[in-house]
Amino acid sequence: MTQIIKRYPLTCILLVAIWVVCLIPVPDIKPLHGFNLLDKWTHFVMYGAFSFVWCYEFKRISWHTIV
């Protein structure tokens, strides 16, 4: 487990941040009623950023191992 945290520190931090944000209850905000599927777009962006960071760190680790 510690090896994963050492190899992918940004990914682990982002994962914990996403979990925390996902567990926070969303208040009912009147100005946001006009946006359809706002929660779906938010999850798409969060997990898209997670995937990008994970791929970046994976490629960085793999590149150093190959070279």
C-alpha atoms as a PDB file:
ATOM      1  CA  MET A   1       0.000   0.000   0.000  1.00  0.00           C
ATOM      2  CA  THR A   2       2.773   2.445   0.866  1.00  0.00           C
ATOM      3  CA  GLN A   3       4.455   1.626  -2.445  1.00  0.00           C
ATOM      4  CA  ILE A   4       1.332   2.749  -4.312  1.00  0.00           C
ATOM      5  CA  ILE A   5       1.213   5.992  -2.327  1.00  0.00           C
ATOM      6  CA  LYS A   6       4.882   6.644  -3.072  1.00  0.00           C
ATOM      7  CA  ARG A   7       4.479   5.907  -6.787  1.00  0.00           C
ATOM      8  CA  TYR A   8       1.233   7.814  -7.305  1.00  0.00           C
ATOM      9  CA  PRO A   9       1.075  10.602  -4.703  1.00  0.00           C
ATOM     10  CA  LEU A  10      -1.031  13.050  -6.745  1.00  0.00           C
ATOM     11  CA  THR A  11      -3.448  10.336  -7.758  1.00  0.00           C
ATOM     12  CA  CYS A  12      -3.936   9.234  -4.136  1.00  0.00           C
ATOM     13  CA  ILE A  13      -4.488  12.807  -2.953  1.00  0.00           C
ATOM     14  CA  LEU A  14      -6.992  13.435  -5.745  1.00  0.00           C
ATOM     15  CA  LEU A  15      -8.795  10.174  -4.988  1.00  0.00           C
ATOM     16  CA  VAL A  16      -9.226  11.080  -1.325  1.00  0.00           C
ATOM     17  CA  ALA A  17     -10.395  14.581  -2.312  1.00  0.00           C
ATOM     18  CA  ILE A  18     -12.977  13.103  -4.708  1.00  0.00           C
ATOM     19  CA  TRP A  19     -14.260  10.743  -2.008  1.00  0.00           C
ATOM     20  CA  VAL A  20     -14.636  13.622   0.439  1.00  0.00           C
ATOM     21  CA  VAL A  21     -16.428  15.816  -2.104  1.00  0.00           C
ATOM     22  CA  CYS A  22     -18.741  12.957  -3.114  1.00  0.00           C
ATOM     23  CA  LEU A  23     -19.733  12.337   0.512  1.00  0.00           C
ATOM     24  CA  ILE A  24     -20.693  15.968   1.183  1.00  0.00           C
ATOM     25  CA  PRO A  25     -24.469  16.436   0.877  1.00  0.00           C
ATOM     26  CA  VAL A  26     -25.476  18.903  -1.817  1.00  0.00           C
ATOM     27  CA  PRO A  27     -27.679  21.743  -0.545  1.00  0.00           C
ATOM     28  CA  ASP A  28     -30.747  22.761  -2.509  1.00  0.00           C
ATOM     29  CA  ILE A  29     -29.607  25.915  -4.309  1.00  0.00           C
ATOM     30  CA  LYS A  30     -32.304  27.768  -6.262  1.00  0.00           C
ATOM     31  CA  PRO A  31     -30.045  29.387  -8.915  1.00  0.00           C
ATOM     32  CA  LEU A  32     -28.744  25.938  -9.962  1.00  0.00           C
ATOM     33  CA  HIS A  33     -32.180  24.544 -10.821  1.00  0.00           C
ATOM     34  CA  GLY A  34     -31.752  25.619 -14.459  1.00  0.00           C
ATOM     35  CA  PHE A  35     -28.796  23.293 -15.013  1.00  0.00           C
ATOM     36  CA  ASN A  36     -29.755  19.789 -16.046  1.00  0.00           C
ATOM     37  CA  LEU A  37     -27.668  16.866 -14.807  1.00  0.00           C
ATOM     38  CA  LEU A  38     -25.245  19.120 -12.917  1.00  0.00           C
ATOM     39  CA  ASP A  39     -24.173  16.280 -10.619  1.00  0.00           C
ATOM     40  CA  LYS A  40     -23.418  14.028 -13.588  1.00  0.00           C
ATOM     41  CA  TRP A  41     -21.221  16.680 -15.205  1.00  0.00           C
ATOM     42  CA  THR A  42     -19.438  17.251 -11.909  1.00  0.00           C
ATOM     43  CA  HIS A  43     -18.669  13.548 -11.543  1.00  0.00           C
ATOM     44  CA  PHE A  44     -17.533  13.395 -15.179  1.00  0.00           C
ATOM     45  CA  VAL A  45     -15.059  16.241 -14.620  1.00  0.00           C
ATOM     46  CA  MET A  46     -13.792  14.874 -11.290  1.00  0.00           C
ATOM     47  CA  TYR A  47     -13.190  11.357 -12.552  1.00  0.00           C
ATOM     48  CA  GLY A  48     -11.822  12.683 -15.844  1.00  0.00           C
ATOM     49  CA  ALA A  49      -9.241  14.700 -13.909  1.00  0.00           C
ATOM     50  CA  PHE A  50      -8.485  11.620 -11.800  1.00  0.00           C
ATOM     51  CA  SER A  51      -7.928   9.525 -14.934  1.00  0.00           C
ATOM     52  CA  PHE A  52      -5.693  12.183 -16.486  1.00  0.00           C
ATOM     53  CA  VAL A  53      -3.517  12.472 -13.357  1.00  0.00           C
ATOM     54  CA  TRP A  54      -3.298   8.699 -12.990  1.00  0.00           C
ATOM     55  CA  CYS A  55      -2.267   8.251 -16.645  1.00  0.00           C
ATOM     56  CA  TYR A  56       0.285  11.055 -16.319  1.00  0.00           C
ATOM     57  CA  GLU A  57       1.859   9.492 -13.232  1.00  0.00           C
ATOM     58  CA  PHE A  58       1.724   5.990 -14.717  1.00  0.00           C
ATOM     59  CA  LYS A  59       3.461   7.183 -17.879  1.00  0.00           C
ATOM     60  CA  ARG A  60       6.046   9.111 -15.831  1.00  0.00           C
ATOM     61  CA  ILE A  61       6.831   6.018 -13.728  1.00  0.00           C
ATOM     62  CA  SER A  62       6.890   3.682 -16.736  1.00  0.00           C
ATOM     63  CA  TRP A  63       9.080   6.052 -18.756  1.00  0.00           C
ATOM     64  CA  HIS A  64      11.723   6.201 -16.025  1.00  0.00           C
ATOM     65  CA  THR A  65      11.679   2.422 -15.682  1.00  0.00           C
ATOM     66  CA  ILE A  66      12.119   1.926 -19.422  1.00  0.00           C
ATOM     67  CA  VAL A  67      14.866   4.534 -19.786  1.00  0.00           C
END
